[in-house]
Amino acid sequence: MIWLLAIFVIFVLIGGGIWAWLLMAGILSSSVSDKPSALKKITQLMHRFDIASAEVETAFHASADSSVTIDPRSKSDIAKTLFIYLGAIFILAGISAYVGMFWDSMGSAMRVLISLGVGYILFIVLISALHEKKYPRLILPLTLAPAFVMTSGWFVLIHEVFPQGNNWRTAVLAVLGVMALHQGALFSKYRITVLLFTTLFFVYGFMQVGLDRLGIPITYIAIVLGASLLLVGTKLEETSHRVLAEPALLIAICWLNAGLFDFIAGSTSPNWAALIVGVSLMFTAYGLQKTERYPRLAGLGYFAGSIMLYSALFDLVYNTPLELLYLAATVSMLYVCVVLQSRLLLFTTVIAMLGFIGFYTAEHFANSLGWPVTLVLLGVIFLGVGTIAIKVRRHI
């Protein structure tokens, strides 16, 4: 089992840890390299955004017939934007330096004013920018900065007012609730995607801590919130904020399956939990692939699910009369890889098969010359059968 664990650790390190799954999905997604794959990608985008073929044809002819060229931004606009960014950076740097130097010597009122007060000033600037509809490129940092500063400021206020309090759940619940109301009210007025993101973040944080405060086990919290976020992500596909659908579905699938893993592991064993959750992830990926939605998530589901499946299956059959069942399972999965045309599933299957053959050889045929020869002969036979099958299919 050490070799499977080592492979899994390597994959996690390459991905950057649990919080880098989304980046890993983008890196591992298949690229468009030829005309058939380009057409397939175009078809997926048309299904995803509900685009009719007539609309594509109209847009194509419009772009081909259009002779209007868009002038690049003038140097004055570039310089103006540059100075705005520099000004904002220096202001934040100055405030941060001042706070870091004199924080301990400040009184309670000054600490609250520096943290919460600055947060609300930035919040007013954000409202002004949204109302005036100026500087659209600054909306994203102007939304995230006050959300972070105001959250920190509310914690500072609670700490200064209740310095002896040790109920951190109540404090977090209060802060997340206030911030959820702030962001939700602002989103109901201006309807921009980044405000929806911050609203969902604070709302789900509030529900997570609130349910934990009520004494509900973390397993059930993960299942309930993961399932609800899955529904939210599905609904986001039908709105103008569909850019949030894919990350929402990714987080929901991970959250839900983590809860299912804990629930099954508590009822049976971690190996059976990993086996069932791995199969569940692969079925989820298959559903996404069949509907031609989010190929990156489908590939990631095959990848993570197959790793869990192979690891758990090896633990279950290790040192039992059913050890060769593992090899049979990987051979069967090769057929599945061909049918599904998943490169990531093929990669993990080949690694699992080669690893098991190496383990089985070292365990039972360490000093036998006939075993390697048998493997080579089997390989030659399979290559021959595959070549014949390809030739036969071409004549069908």
Protein backbone atom coordinates (compact mmCIF):
# COMPACT_ATOMS: atom_id res chain seq x y z
CA MET A 1 0.00 0.00 0.00
CA ILE A 2 3.02 2.31 0.46
CA TRP A 3 3.48 2.73 -3.30
CA LEU A 4 -0.15 3.76 -3.80
CA LEU A 5 0.10 6.20 -0.89
CA ALA A 6 3.29 7.67 -2.36
CA ILE A 7 1.61 8.16 -5.76
CA PHE A 8 -1.36 9.85 -4.13
CA VAL A 9 0.88 12.19 -2.10
CA ILE A 10 2.77 13.15 -5.26
CA PHE A 11 -0.48 14.00 -7.04
CA VAL A 12 -1.64 16.12 -4.10
CA LEU A 13 1.67 17.98 -3.99
CA ILE A 14 1.55 18.64 -7.71
CA GLY A 15 -1.97 19.97 -7.37
CA GLY A 16 -0.93 22.29 -4.54
CA GLY A 17 -3.07 20.70 -1.87
CA ILE A 18 -6.78 20.46 -1.27
CA TRP A 19 -7.46 24.12 -2.16
CA ALA A 20 -5.77 23.83 -5.61
CA TRP A 21 -8.23 21.39 -7.17
CA LEU A 22 -9.75 24.08 -9.37
CA LEU A 23 -6.34 25.12 -10.72
CA MET A 24 -5.51 21.47 -11.25
CA ALA A 25 -8.73 20.96 -13.21
CA GLY A 26 -7.78 23.78 -15.54
CA ILE A 27 -4.26 22.46 -16.05
CA LEU A 28 -5.41 18.91 -16.72
CA SER A 29 -8.18 19.84 -19.12
CA SER A 30 -7.80 18.73 -22.71
CA SER A 31 -6.72 21.36 -25.24
CA VAL A 32 -8.07 21.98 -28.73
CA SER A 33 -5.45 20.82 -31.21
CA ASP A 34 -7.37 19.84 -34.36
CA LYS A 35 -10.58 20.55 -36.28
CA PRO A 36 -12.74 17.71 -34.77
CA SER A 37 -11.84 18.73 -31.21
CA ALA A 38 -12.50 22.39 -32.08
CA LEU A 39 -15.95 21.49 -33.42
CA LYS A 40 -16.65 19.43 -30.30
CA LYS A 41 -15.63 22.35 -28.10
CA ILE A 42 -17.87 24.72 -30.07
CA THR A 43 -20.78 22.28 -29.67
CA GLN A 44 -20.21 22.08 -25.92
CA LEU A 45 -20.22 25.88 -25.63
CA MET A 46 -23.41 26.12 -27.69
CA HIS A 47 -25.18 23.62 -25.40
CA ARG A 48 -23.83 25.27 -22.28
CA PHE A 49 -24.91 28.82 -23.16
CA ASP A 50 -28.02 27.82 -25.16
CA ILE A 51 -26.76 29.27 -28.46
CA ALA A 52 -28.62 28.44 -31.66
CA SER A 53 -26.83 27.66 -34.91
CA ALA A 54 -28.51 30.66 -36.57
CA GLU A 55 -27.00 32.95 -33.95
CA VAL A 56 -23.53 31.53 -34.63
CA GLU A 57 -23.97 32.07 -38.36
CA THR A 58 -25.16 35.64 -37.82
CA ALA A 59 -22.25 36.44 -35.53
CA PHE A 60 -19.79 34.87 -37.98
CA HIS A 61 -21.05 36.91 -40.94
CA ALA A 62 -21.20 40.06 -38.84
CA SER A 63 -17.56 39.66 -37.79
CA ALA A 64 -16.50 38.85 -41.35
CA ASP A 65 -18.36 41.80 -42.90
CA SER A 66 -17.42 44.29 -40.24
CA SER A 67 -14.71 46.70 -41.26
CA VAL A 68 -14.73 48.68 -38.05
CA THR A 69 -11.60 48.29 -36.00
CA ILE A 70 -11.51 49.06 -32.33
CA ASP A 71 -8.87 51.55 -31.47
CA PRO A 72 -6.64 50.65 -28.56
CA ARG A 73 -6.96 52.66 -25.43
CA SER A 74 -5.22 55.97 -25.56
CA LYS A 75 -2.05 56.61 -23.62
CA SER A 76 -3.88 59.04 -21.36
CA ASP A 77 -6.36 56.32 -20.31
CA ILE A 78 -3.54 53.88 -19.60
CA ALA A 79 -1.65 56.46 -17.55
CA LYS A 80 -4.84 57.38 -15.67
CA THR A 81 -5.55 53.76 -14.78
CA LEU A 82 -1.92 53.21 -13.79
CA PHE A 83 -1.91 56.18 -11.41
CA ILE A 84 -5.21 55.09 -9.89
CA TYR A 85 -3.78 51.63 -9.13
CA LEU A 86 -0.58 53.13 -7.73
CA GLY A 87 -2.52 55.55 -5.57
CA ALA A 88 -4.71 52.81 -4.13
CA ILE A 89 -1.70 50.58 -3.46
CA PHE A 90 0.22 53.34 -1.65
CA ILE A 91 -2.80 54.32 0.44
CA LEU A 92 -3.34 50.72 1.57
CA ALA A 93 0.38 50.29 2.19
CA GLY A 94 0.49 53.45 4.30
CA ILE A 95 -2.52 52.43 6.37
CA SER A 96 -1.11 48.94 6.88
CA ALA A 97 2.29 50.32 7.93
CA TYR A 98 0.69 52.75 10.38
CA VAL A 99 -1.50 50.04 11.91
CA GLY A 100 1.43 47.66 12.25
CA MET A 101 3.65 50.25 13.95
CA PHE A 102 1.20 51.73 16.46
CA TRP A 103 -1.44 49.03 16.98
CA ASP A 104 -0.32 48.09 20.51
CA SER A 105 -0.21 51.70 21.65
CA MET A 106 -3.67 52.56 20.31
CA GLY A 107 -6.79 52.68 22.45
CA SER A 108 -9.84 50.54 21.85
CA ALA A 109 -11.75 53.29 20.04
CA MET A 110 -8.80 54.00 17.74
CA ARG A 111 -8.41 50.31 16.85
CA VAL A 112 -12.09 50.05 15.94
CA LEU A 113 -11.90 53.29 13.93
CA ILE A 114 -8.82 52.15 12.01
CA SER A 115 -10.23 48.74 11.15
CA LEU A 116 -14.02 48.98 10.94
CA GLY A 117 -14.03 52.68 10.04
CA VAL A 118 -11.68 52.21 7.10
CA GLY A 119 -13.76 49.23 5.99
CA TYR A 120 -16.93 51.31 5.87
CA ILE A 121 -15.14 54.13 4.05
CA LEU A 122 -14.10 51.64 1.37
CA PHE A 123 -17.67 50.33 1.37
CA ILE A 124 -18.99 53.85 0.66
CA VAL A 125 -16.43 54.24 -2.13
CA LEU A 126 -17.67 50.95 -3.62
CA ILE A 127 -21.30 52.11 -3.51
CA SER A 128 -20.31 55.38 -5.16
CA ALA A 129 -18.43 53.57 -7.94
CA LEU A 130 -21.37 51.23 -8.53
CA HIS A 131 -23.84 54.09 -8.60
CA GLU A 132 -21.78 56.25 -10.93
CA LYS A 133 -20.83 53.26 -13.09
CA LYS A 134 -17.28 54.51 -13.42
CA TYR A 135 -14.03 52.55 -13.43
CA PRO A 136 -15.57 49.08 -14.03
CA ARG A 137 -12.13 47.47 -13.75
CA LEU A 138 -11.89 48.64 -10.14
CA ILE A 139 -15.18 47.05 -9.06
CA LEU A 140 -13.58 43.69 -8.27
CA PRO A 141 -10.84 45.02 -5.90
CA LEU A 142 -13.26 47.61 -4.49
CA THR A 143 -15.65 44.78 -3.60
CA LEU A 144 -13.13 42.37 -2.09
CA ALA A 145 -11.13 44.97 -0.12
CA PRO A 146 -14.01 46.33 2.01
CA ALA A 147 -15.36 42.82 2.54
CA PHE A 148 -12.01 41.76 4.02
CA VAL A 149 -11.42 44.95 6.01
CA MET A 150 -14.96 45.13 7.38
CA THR A 151 -14.85 41.48 8.45
CA SER A 152 -11.60 42.11 10.32
CA GLY A 153 -13.04 45.31 11.80
CA TRP A 154 -16.10 43.56 13.20
CA PHE A 155 -13.87 40.99 14.89
CA VAL A 156 -11.80 43.82 16.36
CA LEU A 157 -14.96 45.49 17.67
CA ILE A 158 -16.20 42.28 19.30
CA HIS A 159 -12.78 41.67 20.87
CA GLU A 160 -12.62 45.19 22.29
CA VAL A 161 -16.18 45.11 23.65
CA PHE A 162 -15.96 41.55 25.01
CA PRO A 163 -12.25 41.05 25.81
CA GLN A 164 -12.90 38.07 28.10
CA GLY A 165 -15.26 36.25 25.78
CA ASN A 166 -14.19 32.78 24.67
CA ASN A 167 -17.21 31.70 22.61
CA TRP A 168 -15.62 32.09 19.19
CA ARG A 169 -18.53 30.45 17.38
CA THR A 170 -20.94 33.17 18.49
CA ALA A 171 -18.51 35.88 17.39
CA VAL A 172 -17.94 34.29 13.98
CA LEU A 173 -21.67 33.72 13.55
CA ALA A 174 -22.42 37.38 14.30
CA VAL A 175 -19.75 38.72 11.94
CA LEU A 176 -20.66 36.40 9.07
CA GLY A 177 -24.35 37.22 9.52
CA VAL A 178 -23.73 40.97 9.37
CA MET A 179 -21.48 40.64 6.33
CA ALA A 180 -24.00 38.37 4.58
CA LEU A 181 -26.67 41.06 5.08
CA HIS A 182 -24.30 43.75 3.76
CA GLN A 183 -23.33 41.86 0.62
CA GLY A 184 -26.83 40.50 0.01
CA ALA A 185 -28.41 43.96 0.18
CA LEU A 186 -25.78 45.37 -2.17
CA PHE A 187 -26.25 42.47 -4.62
CA SER A 188 -30.03 42.94 -4.65
CA LYS A 189 -29.42 46.53 -5.77
CA TYR A 190 -26.61 46.17 -8.34
CA ARG A 191 -26.69 42.50 -9.45
CA ILE A 192 -23.00 42.01 -10.27
CA THR A 193 -21.24 38.65 -10.14
CA VAL A 194 -18.55 39.49 -7.59
CA LEU A 195 -21.22 40.61 -5.11
CA LEU A 196 -23.04 37.32 -5.59
CA PHE A 197 -19.77 35.51 -4.88
CA THR A 198 -19.16 37.37 -1.60
CA THR A 199 -22.82 36.92 -0.61
CA LEU A 200 -22.67 33.15 -1.13
CA PHE A 201 -19.35 32.99 0.73
CA PHE A 202 -20.70 34.71 3.84
CA VAL A 203 -24.09 32.97 3.71
CA TYR A 204 -22.57 29.49 3.56
CA GLY A 205 -20.01 30.42 6.20
CA PHE A 206 -22.88 31.59 8.42
CA MET A 207 -24.82 28.35 7.87
CA GLN A 208 -21.73 26.21 8.51
CA VAL A 209 -20.97 27.87 11.86
CA GLY A 210 -24.65 28.14 12.79
CA LEU A 211 -25.36 24.46 12.28
CA ASP A 212 -22.18 23.61 14.19
CA ARG A 213 -23.35 25.94 16.98
CA LEU A 214 -26.58 23.92 17.16
CA GLY A 215 -24.58 20.75 17.79
CA ILE A 216 -25.22 19.07 14.44
CA PRO A 217 -22.37 16.69 13.48
CA ILE A 218 -19.98 18.02 10.85
CA THR A 219 -20.76 15.01 8.64
CA TYR A 220 -24.41 15.97 8.23
CA ILE A 221 -23.52 19.64 7.83
CA ALA A 222 -21.22 18.80 4.91
CA ILE A 223 -23.88 16.64 3.24
CA VAL A 224 -26.66 19.21 3.62
CA LEU A 225 -24.62 22.26 2.60
CA GLY A 226 -22.88 20.39 -0.21
CA ALA A 227 -26.22 19.24 -1.63
CA SER A 228 -27.71 22.74 -1.37
CA LEU A 229 -24.68 24.32 -3.06
CA LEU A 230 -25.02 21.71 -5.81
CA LEU A 231 -28.54 22.98 -6.47
CA VAL A 232 -27.35 26.59 -6.34
CA GLY A 233 -24.57 25.85 -8.86
CA THR A 234 -27.09 24.20 -11.18
CA LYS A 235 -29.35 27.23 -11.01
CA LEU A 236 -26.43 29.58 -11.66
CA GLU A 237 -26.04 27.99 -15.10
CA GLU A 238 -29.33 29.60 -16.11
CA THR A 239 -28.35 33.12 -15.04
CA SER A 240 -25.95 35.80 -16.20
CA HIS A 241 -23.65 34.78 -13.33
CA ARG A 242 -22.90 31.38 -14.88
CA VAL A 243 -19.16 32.01 -14.47
CA LEU A 244 -19.66 31.03 -10.81
CA ALA A 245 -21.42 27.77 -11.70
CA GLU A 246 -18.31 25.67 -12.30
CA PRO A 247 -16.44 26.59 -9.07
CA ALA A 248 -19.70 26.27 -7.13
CA LEU A 249 -20.26 22.76 -8.51
CA LEU A 250 -16.65 21.81 -7.76
CA ILE A 251 -16.90 22.93 -4.13
CA ALA A 252 -20.33 21.32 -3.77
CA ILE A 253 -19.16 17.95 -5.10
CA CYS A 254 -16.10 17.94 -2.83
CA TRP A 255 -18.16 19.08 0.18
CA LEU A 256 -20.93 16.56 -0.38
CA ASN A 257 -18.62 13.61 -0.99
CA ALA A 258 -16.49 14.52 2.03
CA GLY A 259 -19.62 14.27 4.18
CA LEU A 260 -20.60 10.99 2.55
CA PHE A 261 -17.10 9.64 3.16
CA ASP A 262 -17.26 10.45 6.88
CA PHE A 263 -20.74 8.96 7.16
CA ILE A 264 -19.84 5.70 5.40
CA ALA A 265 -16.48 5.44 7.21
CA GLY A 266 -18.27 5.74 10.55
CA SER A 267 -20.72 3.00 9.58
CA THR A 268 -18.29 0.57 7.92
CA SER A 269 -14.59 1.33 7.33
CA PRO A 270 -12.47 3.99 5.56
CA ASN A 271 -11.66 1.56 2.74
CA TRP A 272 -15.30 0.93 1.89
CA ALA A 273 -15.98 4.65 2.22
CA ALA A 274 -13.20 5.48 -0.25
CA LEU A 275 -14.44 2.78 -2.63
CA ILE A 276 -18.04 4.00 -2.62
CA VAL A 277 -17.16 7.69 -2.80
CA GLY A 278 -14.67 7.01 -5.61
CA VAL A 279 -17.36 5.25 -7.64
CA SER A 280 -19.75 8.11 -6.84
CA LEU A 281 -17.27 10.68 -8.16
CA MET A 282 -16.76 8.69 -11.35
CA PHE A 283 -20.53 8.44 -11.94
CA THR A 284 -20.79 12.19 -11.36
CA ALA A 285 -18.05 12.75 -13.93
CA TYR A 286 -19.86 10.43 -16.35
CA GLY A 287 -23.05 12.44 -15.95
CA LEU A 288 -21.20 15.69 -16.69
CA GLN A 289 -19.56 14.09 -19.73
CA LYS A 290 -22.83 12.75 -21.13
CA THR A 291 -24.46 16.18 -20.89
CA GLU A 292 -21.32 17.79 -22.36
CA ARG A 293 -21.03 20.15 -19.40
CA TYR A 294 -17.80 21.24 -17.76
CA PRO A 295 -15.24 18.84 -19.27
CA ARG A 296 -12.65 20.00 -16.72
CA LEU A 297 -14.86 18.87 -13.84
CA ALA A 298 -15.56 15.57 -15.60
CA GLY A 299 -11.84 14.90 -16.06
CA LEU A 300 -11.11 15.84 -12.44
CA GLY A 301 -13.90 13.54 -11.25
CA TYR A 302 -12.47 10.60 -13.18
CA PHE A 303 -9.01 11.39 -11.83
CA ALA A 304 -9.87 11.77 -8.13
CA GLY A 305 -12.51 9.03 -8.16
CA SER A 306 -10.23 6.47 -9.77
CA ILE A 307 -7.43 7.20 -7.28
CA MET A 308 -9.81 6.60 -4.37
CA LEU A 309 -11.23 3.50 -6.05
CA TYR A 310 -7.87 1.86 -6.76
CA SER A 311 -6.40 2.71 -3.34
CA ALA A 312 -9.41 1.34 -1.46
CA LEU A 313 -9.70 -1.77 -3.62
CA PHE A 314 -6.04 -2.64 -3.07
CA ASP A 315 -6.44 -2.34 0.70
CA LEU A 316 -9.50 -4.59 0.61
CA VAL A 317 -7.87 -7.41 -1.40
CA TYR A 318 -4.35 -7.15 0.05
CA ASN A 319 -3.12 -10.43 1.57
CA THR A 320 -6.35 -12.22 0.64
CA PRO A 321 -7.09 -14.93 -1.95
CA LEU A 322 -8.74 -12.20 -4.04
CA GLU A 323 -5.55 -10.25 -4.80
CA LEU A 324 -5.76 -11.01 -8.53
CA LEU A 325 -9.21 -9.44 -8.53
CA TYR A 326 -7.38 -6.10 -8.47
CA LEU A 327 -5.68 -6.88 -11.77
CA ALA A 328 -8.99 -7.98 -13.27
CA ALA A 329 -10.58 -4.72 -12.14
CA THR A 330 -7.85 -2.59 -13.76
CA VAL A 331 -8.11 -4.59 -17.00
CA SER A 332 -11.86 -4.01 -17.01
CA MET A 333 -11.30 -0.32 -16.40
CA LEU A 334 -9.11 -0.16 -19.49
CA TYR A 335 -12.19 -1.00 -21.55
CA VAL A 336 -14.10 1.72 -19.71
CA CYS A 337 -11.30 4.19 -20.50
CA VAL A 338 -11.60 3.42 -24.21
CA VAL A 339 -15.39 3.80 -24.15
CA LEU A 340 -15.32 7.05 -22.17
CA GLN A 341 -12.23 8.40 -23.99
CA SER A 342 -10.83 9.79 -20.76
CA ARG A 343 -7.08 10.33 -20.73
CA LEU A 344 -6.94 10.98 -16.99
CA LEU A 345 -8.79 7.76 -16.19
CA LEU A 346 -6.48 5.90 -18.56
CA PHE A 347 -3.45 7.44 -16.82
CA THR A 348 -4.50 6.36 -13.31
CA THR A 349 -5.55 2.92 -14.58
CA VAL A 350 -2.19 2.28 -16.24
CA ILE A 351 -0.33 3.46 -13.11
CA ALA A 352 -2.49 1.20 -10.91
CA MET A 353 -2.00 -1.80 -13.20
CA LEU A 354 1.78 -1.36 -13.48
CA GLY A 355 2.07 -0.80 -9.74
CA PHE A 356 0.12 -3.94 -8.94
CA ILE A 357 2.13 -6.04 -11.39
CA GLY A 358 5.33 -4.75 -9.78
CA PHE A 359 3.99 -5.49 -6.30
CA TYR A 360 2.76 -8.96 -7.24
CA THR A 361 6.07 -9.81 -8.90
CA ALA A 362 8.09 -8.76 -5.85
CA GLU A 363 5.71 -10.58 -3.52
CA HIS A 364 5.38 -13.95 -5.27
CA PHE A 365 7.95 -14.23 -8.09
CA ALA A 366 11.00 -12.40 -6.77
CA ASN A 367 13.50 -15.01 -8.03
CA SER A 368 11.54 -16.58 -10.88
CA LEU A 369 12.70 -15.99 -14.46
CA GLY A 370 9.52 -17.43 -15.96
CA TRP A 371 7.28 -14.67 -14.64
CA PRO A 372 8.89 -11.73 -16.52
CA VAL A 373 9.02 -13.83 -19.68
CA THR A 374 5.34 -14.66 -19.28
CA LEU A 375 4.49 -10.96 -18.86
CA VAL A 376 6.40 -10.06 -22.03
CA LEU A 377 4.66 -12.81 -24.00
CA LEU A 378 1.27 -11.67 -22.73
CA GLY A 379 2.14 -8.12 -23.75
CA VAL A 380 3.04 -9.24 -27.27
CA ILE A 381 -0.20 -11.22 -27.52
CA PHE A 382 -2.31 -8.22 -26.40
CA LEU A 383 -0.51 -5.91 -28.86
CA GLY A 384 -1.24 -8.38 -31.66
CA VAL A 385 -4.89 -8.70 -30.71
CA GLY A 386 -5.23 -4.90 -30.54
CA THR A 387 -3.66 -4.46 -33.99
CA ILE A 388 -5.96 -7.09 -35.52
CA ALA A 389 -8.99 -5.48 -33.86
CA ILE A 390 -8.09 -2.09 -35.34
CA LYS A 391 -7.73 -3.57 -38.85
CA VAL A 392 -11.02 -5.45 -38.54
CA ARG A 393 -12.84 -2.31 -37.38
CA ARG A 394 -11.60 -0.35 -40.37
CA HIS A 395 -13.28 -2.89 -42.70
CA ILE A 396 -16.61 -2.84 -40.85
